[in-house]
């Protein structure tokens, strides 16, 4: 890939992950390992890489935390929090909100797709990510929904998509 590659990362929230919120579950550990391997491969292949992530609780926050950890040894790696709307984490459990805010705080940049939640948030966020990206990493179980929409948009645009299927770890 070229210098300055942009990769968007999308993925399921706990309700659509086979281990739910249990991060000590062997499947979650394997998911994080697969995410890390995919991210590290992109870093190795590119002299400069920018990751875009919507930061939803679950696979997206896992990926963001992995990118942040890898930034310490890779100065040409950046992470942008692409938030669907300003109050994204307002109704999350307290521990999830704290994790979200800490992760976003450590990002190189923060962008809001729109100010308020509405029925178009998911599709507007997917469009923003796909329009900016050269490639995508998706934690996706193959079902229709927000992640599936982003994957479909990326494929229609001819963007390479690395799919990590959470039910086949």
C-alpha atoms as a PDB file:
ATOM      1  CA  UNK A   1       0.000   0.000   0.000  1.00  0.00           C
ATOM      2  CA  UNK A   2       0.992   3.616  -0.343  1.00  0.00           C
ATOM      3  CA  UNK A   3       2.423   6.031   2.175  1.00  0.00           C
ATOM      4  CA  UNK A   4      -0.330   7.597   4.204  1.00  0.00           C
ATOM      5  CA  UNK A   5      -2.752   4.688   4.063  1.00  0.00           C
ATOM      6  CA  UNK A   6      -6.045   5.190   5.890  1.00  0.00           C
ATOM      7  CA  UNK A   7      -7.698   2.158   7.485  1.00  0.00           C
ATOM      8  CA  UNK A   8     -11.106   2.276   9.106  1.00  0.00           C
ATOM      9  CA  UNK A   9     -11.982  -0.227  11.793  1.00  0.00           C
ATOM     10  CA  UNK A  10     -15.565  -1.300  12.466  1.00  0.00           C
ATOM     11  CA  UNK A  11     -16.939  -4.036  14.677  1.00  0.00           C
ATOM     12  CA  UNK A  12     -19.677  -5.441  16.787  1.00  0.00           C
ATOM     13  CA  UNK A  13     -20.761  -4.341  20.218  1.00  0.00           C
ATOM     14  CA  UNK A  14     -21.002  -6.931  23.045  1.00  0.00           C
ATOM     15  CA  UNK A  15     -24.596  -7.943  22.193  1.00  0.00           C
ATOM     16  CA  UNK A  16     -23.318  -9.341  18.875  1.00  0.00           C
ATOM     17  CA  UNK A  17     -20.137 -10.938  20.184  1.00  0.00           C
ATOM     18  CA  UNK A  18     -20.337 -14.590  21.288  1.00  0.00           C
ATOM     19  CA  UNK A  19     -18.620 -13.770  24.600  1.00  0.00           C
ATOM     20  CA  UNK A  20     -20.659 -10.626  25.302  1.00  0.00           C
ATOM     21  CA  UNK A  21     -18.694  -8.305  27.597  1.00  0.00           C
ATOM     22  CA  UNK A  22     -16.531 -11.055  29.114  1.00  0.00           C
ATOM     23  CA  UNK A  23     -13.012 -10.022  28.117  1.00  0.00           C
ATOM     24  CA  UNK A  24     -11.476 -12.953  29.992  1.00  0.00           C
ATOM     25  CA  UNK A  25     -13.320 -15.417  27.727  1.00  0.00           C
ATOM     26  CA  UNK A  26     -10.912 -17.355  25.495  1.00  0.00           C
ATOM     27  CA  UNK A  27     -12.817 -16.179  22.398  1.00  0.00           C
ATOM     28  CA  UNK A  28     -12.338 -12.531  23.347  1.00  0.00           C
ATOM     29  CA  UNK A  29      -8.634 -13.133  23.905  1.00  0.00           C
ATOM     30  CA  UNK A  30      -8.399 -14.740  20.440  1.00  0.00           C
ATOM     31  CA  UNK A  31     -10.384 -11.884  18.878  1.00  0.00           C
ATOM     32  CA  UNK A  32      -7.958  -9.346  20.331  1.00  0.00           C
ATOM     33  CA  UNK A  33      -5.024 -11.427  19.035  1.00  0.00           C
ATOM     34  CA  UNK A  34      -6.521 -11.501  15.521  1.00  0.00           C
ATOM     35  CA  UNK A  35      -7.230  -7.769  15.635  1.00  0.00           C
ATOM     36  CA  UNK A  36      -3.697  -7.095  16.802  1.00  0.00           C
ATOM     37  CA  UNK A  37      -2.234  -9.258  14.011  1.00  0.00           C
ATOM     38  CA  UNK A  38      -4.313  -7.485  11.341  1.00  0.00           C
ATOM     39  CA  UNK A  39      -3.358  -4.051  12.664  1.00  0.00           C
ATOM     40  CA  UNK A  40       0.316  -4.974  12.997  1.00  0.00           C
ATOM     41  CA  UNK A  41       0.355  -6.313   9.433  1.00  0.00           C
ATOM     42  CA  UNK A  42      -0.917  -2.973   8.123  1.00  0.00           C
ATOM     43  CA  UNK A  43       1.658  -1.084  10.171  1.00  0.00           C
ATOM     44  CA  UNK A  44       4.428  -3.301   8.792  1.00  0.00           C
ATOM     45  CA  UNK A  45       3.248  -2.858   5.184  1.00  0.00           C
ATOM     46  CA  UNK A  46       2.919   0.932   5.340  1.00  0.00           C
ATOM     47  CA  UNK A  47       5.448   3.651   6.092  1.00  0.00           C
ATOM     48  CA  UNK A  48       2.620   5.785   7.463  1.00  0.00           C
ATOM     49  CA  UNK A  49      -0.846   4.630   8.478  1.00  0.00           C
ATOM     50  CA  UNK A  50      -3.857   6.405   9.897  1.00  0.00           C
ATOM     51  CA  UNK A  51      -6.610   4.438  11.661  1.00  0.00           C
ATOM     52  CA  UNK A  52     -10.178   5.710  11.902  1.00  0.00           C
ATOM     53  CA  UNK A  53     -12.442   4.166  14.526  1.00  0.00           C
ATOM     54  CA  UNK A  54     -16.010   4.952  15.686  1.00  0.00           C
ATOM     55  CA  UNK A  55     -15.120   3.824  19.245  1.00  0.00           C
ATOM     56  CA  UNK A  56     -18.248   1.839  20.061  1.00  0.00           C
ATOM     57  CA  UNK A  57     -17.940  -0.399  23.084  1.00  0.00           C
ATOM     58  CA  UNK A  58     -16.776  -3.875  22.095  1.00  0.00           C
ATOM     59  CA  UNK A  59     -14.603  -4.680  19.076  1.00  0.00           C
ATOM     60  CA  UNK A  60     -14.007  -1.052  18.082  1.00  0.00           C
ATOM     61  CA  UNK A  61     -12.681  -0.024  21.491  1.00  0.00           C
ATOM     62  CA  UNK A  62     -10.535  -3.183  21.563  1.00  0.00           C
ATOM     63  CA  UNK A  63      -9.027  -2.180  18.215  1.00  0.00           C
ATOM     64  CA  UNK A  64      -8.461   1.425  19.306  1.00  0.00           C
ATOM     65  CA  UNK A  65      -6.647   0.266  22.440  1.00  0.00           C
ATOM     66  CA  UNK A  66      -4.453  -2.030  20.324  1.00  0.00           C
ATOM     67  CA  UNK A  67      -3.567   0.830  17.951  1.00  0.00           C
ATOM     68  CA  UNK A  68      -2.780   3.099  20.904  1.00  0.00           C
ATOM     69  CA  UNK A  69      -0.449   0.476  22.399  1.00  0.00           C
ATOM     70  CA  UNK A  70       1.353   0.045  19.069  1.00  0.00           C
ATOM     71  CA  UNK A  71       1.821   3.800  18.612  1.00  0.00           C
ATOM     72  CA  UNK A  72       4.545   3.808  21.293  1.00  0.00           C
ATOM     73  CA  UNK A  73       6.890   1.909  18.989  1.00  0.00           C
ATOM     74  CA  UNK A  74       5.522   3.200  15.671  1.00  0.00           C
ATOM     75  CA  UNK A  75       5.679   6.978  15.348  1.00  0.00           C
ATOM     76  CA  UNK A  76       4.044   6.926  11.900  1.00  0.00           C
ATOM     77  CA  UNK A  77       0.783   5.503  13.246  1.00  0.00           C
ATOM     78  CA  UNK A  78      -2.133   7.762  14.117  1.00  0.00           C
ATOM     79  CA  UNK A  79      -5.613   7.131  15.457  1.00  0.00           C
ATOM     80  CA  UNK A  80      -8.665   9.298  14.902  1.00  0.00           C
ATOM     81  CA  UNK A  81     -11.824   8.799  16.928  1.00  0.00           C
ATOM     82  CA  UNK A  82     -14.670   9.166  14.418  1.00  0.00           C
ATOM     83  CA  UNK A  83     -17.641   9.592  16.712  1.00  0.00           C
ATOM     84  CA  UNK A  84     -21.113   9.137  15.194  1.00  0.00           C
ATOM     85  CA  UNK A  85     -22.482  11.923  17.442  1.00  0.00           C
ATOM     86  CA  UNK A  86     -21.367  13.968  20.422  1.00  0.00           C
ATOM     87  CA  UNK A  87     -23.156  12.121  23.227  1.00  0.00           C
ATOM     88  CA  UNK A  88     -22.317   8.642  21.927  1.00  0.00           C
ATOM     89  CA  UNK A  89     -21.387   7.176  25.326  1.00  0.00           C
ATOM     90  CA  UNK A  90     -23.916   9.087  27.445  1.00  0.00           C
ATOM     91  CA  UNK A  91     -26.140   6.062  28.171  1.00  0.00           C
ATOM     92  CA  UNK A  92     -23.345   3.502  28.567  1.00  0.00           C
ATOM     93  CA  UNK A  93     -22.524   1.891  31.919  1.00  0.00           C
ATOM     94  CA  UNK A  94     -20.053   3.998  33.917  1.00  0.00           C
ATOM     95  CA  UNK A  95     -17.063   1.700  33.393  1.00  0.00           C
ATOM     96  CA  UNK A  96     -17.685   1.680  29.624  1.00  0.00           C
ATOM     97  CA  UNK A  97     -17.987   5.467  29.546  1.00  0.00           C
ATOM     98  CA  UNK A  98     -14.731   5.919  31.436  1.00  0.00           C
ATOM     99  CA  UNK A  99     -12.938   3.516  29.104  1.00  0.00           C
ATOM    100  CA  UNK A 100     -14.397   5.318  26.087  1.00  0.00           C
ATOM    101  CA  UNK A 101     -13.384   8.790  27.280  1.00  0.00           C
ATOM    102  CA  UNK A 102      -9.862   7.659  28.209  1.00  0.00           C
ATOM    103  CA  UNK A 103      -9.403   5.982  24.835  1.00  0.00           C
ATOM    104  CA  UNK A 104     -10.723   8.991  22.912  1.00  0.00           C
ATOM    105  CA  UNK A 105      -8.542  11.324  24.994  1.00  0.00           C
ATOM    106  CA  UNK A 106      -5.423   9.428  23.876  1.00  0.00           C
ATOM    107  CA  UNK A 107      -6.329   9.632  20.170  1.00  0.00           C
ATOM    108  CA  UNK A 108      -4.429  11.947  17.859  1.00  0.00           C
ATOM    109  CA  UNK A 109      -7.660  13.516  16.677  1.00  0.00           C
ATOM    110  CA  UNK A 110     -11.393  13.448  17.333  1.00  0.00           C
ATOM    111  CA  UNK A 111     -14.077  14.001  14.695  1.00  0.00           C
ATOM    112  CA  UNK A 112     -17.850  14.059  15.069  1.00  0.00           C
ATOM    113  CA  UNK A 113     -19.904  12.893  12.115  1.00  0.00           C
ATOM    114  CA  UNK A 114     -22.948  14.761  13.411  1.00  0.00           C
ATOM    115  CA  UNK A 115     -23.976  16.534  16.601  1.00  0.00           C
ATOM    116  CA  UNK A 116     -27.079  14.565  17.620  1.00  0.00           C
ATOM    117  CA  UNK A 117     -28.303  11.008  17.343  1.00  0.00           C
ATOM    118  CA  UNK A 118     -30.860  10.211  14.654  1.00  0.00           C
ATOM    119  CA  UNK A 119     -31.794   7.296  12.398  1.00  0.00           C
ATOM    120  CA  UNK A 120     -29.009   8.208   9.966  1.00  0.00           C
ATOM    121  CA  UNK A 121     -26.086   8.060  12.442  1.00  0.00           C
ATOM    122  CA  UNK A 122     -24.946   4.569  11.471  1.00  0.00           C
ATOM    123  CA  UNK A 123     -25.166   5.106   7.730  1.00  0.00           C
ATOM    124  CA  UNK A 124     -23.611   8.585   7.923  1.00  0.00           C
ATOM    125  CA  UNK A 125     -20.726   7.235   9.996  1.00  0.00           C
ATOM    126  CA  UNK A 126     -20.219   4.292   7.624  1.00  0.00           C
ATOM    127  CA  UNK A 127     -20.209   6.676   4.658  1.00  0.00           C
ATOM    128  CA  UNK A 128     -17.693   8.994   6.358  1.00  0.00           C
ATOM    129  CA  UNK A 129     -15.360   6.065   7.131  1.00  0.00           C
ATOM    130  CA  UNK A 130     -15.613   4.460   3.702  1.00  0.00           C
ATOM    131  CA  UNK A 131     -15.176   7.755   1.865  1.00  0.00           C
ATOM    132  CA  UNK A 132     -11.911   8.360   3.736  1.00  0.00           C
ATOM    133  CA  UNK A 133     -10.496   4.817   3.811  1.00  0.00           C
ATOM    134  CA  UNK A 134      -8.097   2.845   1.655  1.00  0.00           C
ATOM    135  CA  UNK A 135      -8.847  -0.370   3.555  1.00  0.00           C
ATOM    136  CA  UNK A 136     -11.056  -1.720   6.341  1.00  0.00           C
ATOM    137  CA  UNK A 137     -10.769  -4.140   9.229  1.00  0.00           C
ATOM    138  CA  UNK A 138     -14.197  -5.429  10.277  1.00  0.00           C
ATOM    139  CA  UNK A 139     -15.161  -7.641  13.204  1.00  0.00           C
ATOM    140  CA  UNK A 140     -18.341  -8.873  11.576  1.00  0.00           C
ATOM    141  CA  UNK A 141     -20.480 -11.982  11.973  1.00  0.00           C
ATOM    142  CA  UNK A 142     -21.972 -11.681   8.485  1.00  0.00           C
ATOM    143  CA  UNK A 143     -25.363 -10.462   9.686  1.00  0.00           C
ATOM    144  CA  UNK A 144     -27.095  -7.331   8.385  1.00  0.00           C
ATOM    145  CA  UNK A 145     -26.792  -4.269  10.590  1.00  0.00           C
ATOM    146  CA  UNK A 146     -24.477  -1.312  11.156  1.00  0.00           C
ATOM    147  CA  UNK A 147     -21.237  -3.261  10.679  1.00  0.00           C
ATOM    148  CA  UNK A 148     -22.669  -5.101   7.685  1.00  0.00           C
ATOM    149  CA  UNK A 149     -23.669  -1.768   6.132  1.00  0.00           C
ATOM    150  CA  UNK A 150     -20.121  -0.428   6.462  1.00  0.00           C
ATOM    151  CA  UNK A 151     -18.663  -3.628   4.970  1.00  0.00           C
ATOM    152  CA  UNK A 152     -21.141  -3.490   2.084  1.00  0.00           C
ATOM    153  CA  UNK A 153     -20.285   0.158   1.370  1.00  0.00           C
ATOM    154  CA  UNK A 154     -16.558  -0.623   1.422  1.00  0.00           C
ATOM    155  CA  UNK A 155     -16.954  -3.567  -0.944  1.00  0.00           C
ATOM    156  CA  UNK A 156     -19.088  -1.501  -3.315  1.00  0.00           C
ATOM    157  CA  UNK A 157     -16.322   1.100  -3.399  1.00  0.00           C
ATOM    158  CA  UNK A 158     -13.682  -1.582  -4.040  1.00  0.00           C
ATOM    159  CA  UNK A 159     -11.948  -1.106  -0.694  1.00  0.00           C
ATOM    160  CA  UNK A 160     -10.166  -4.241   0.589  1.00  0.00           C
ATOM    161  CA  UNK A 161     -11.871  -5.559   3.730  1.00  0.00           C
ATOM    162  CA  UNK A 162     -10.237  -7.862   6.269  1.00  0.00           C
ATOM    163  CA  UNK A 163     -13.092  -9.621   8.059  1.00  0.00           C
ATOM    164  CA  UNK A 164     -12.592 -11.222  11.448  1.00  0.00           C
ATOM    165  CA  UNK A 165     -15.630 -13.384  12.131  1.00  0.00           C
ATOM    166  CA  UNK A 166     -16.302 -13.340  15.897  1.00  0.00           C
ATOM    167  CA  UNK A 167     -18.107 -16.694  15.816  1.00  0.00           C
ATOM    168  CA  UNK A 168     -15.142 -18.456  14.164  1.00  0.00           C
ATOM    169  CA  UNK A 169     -12.307 -17.753  16.527  1.00  0.00           C
END
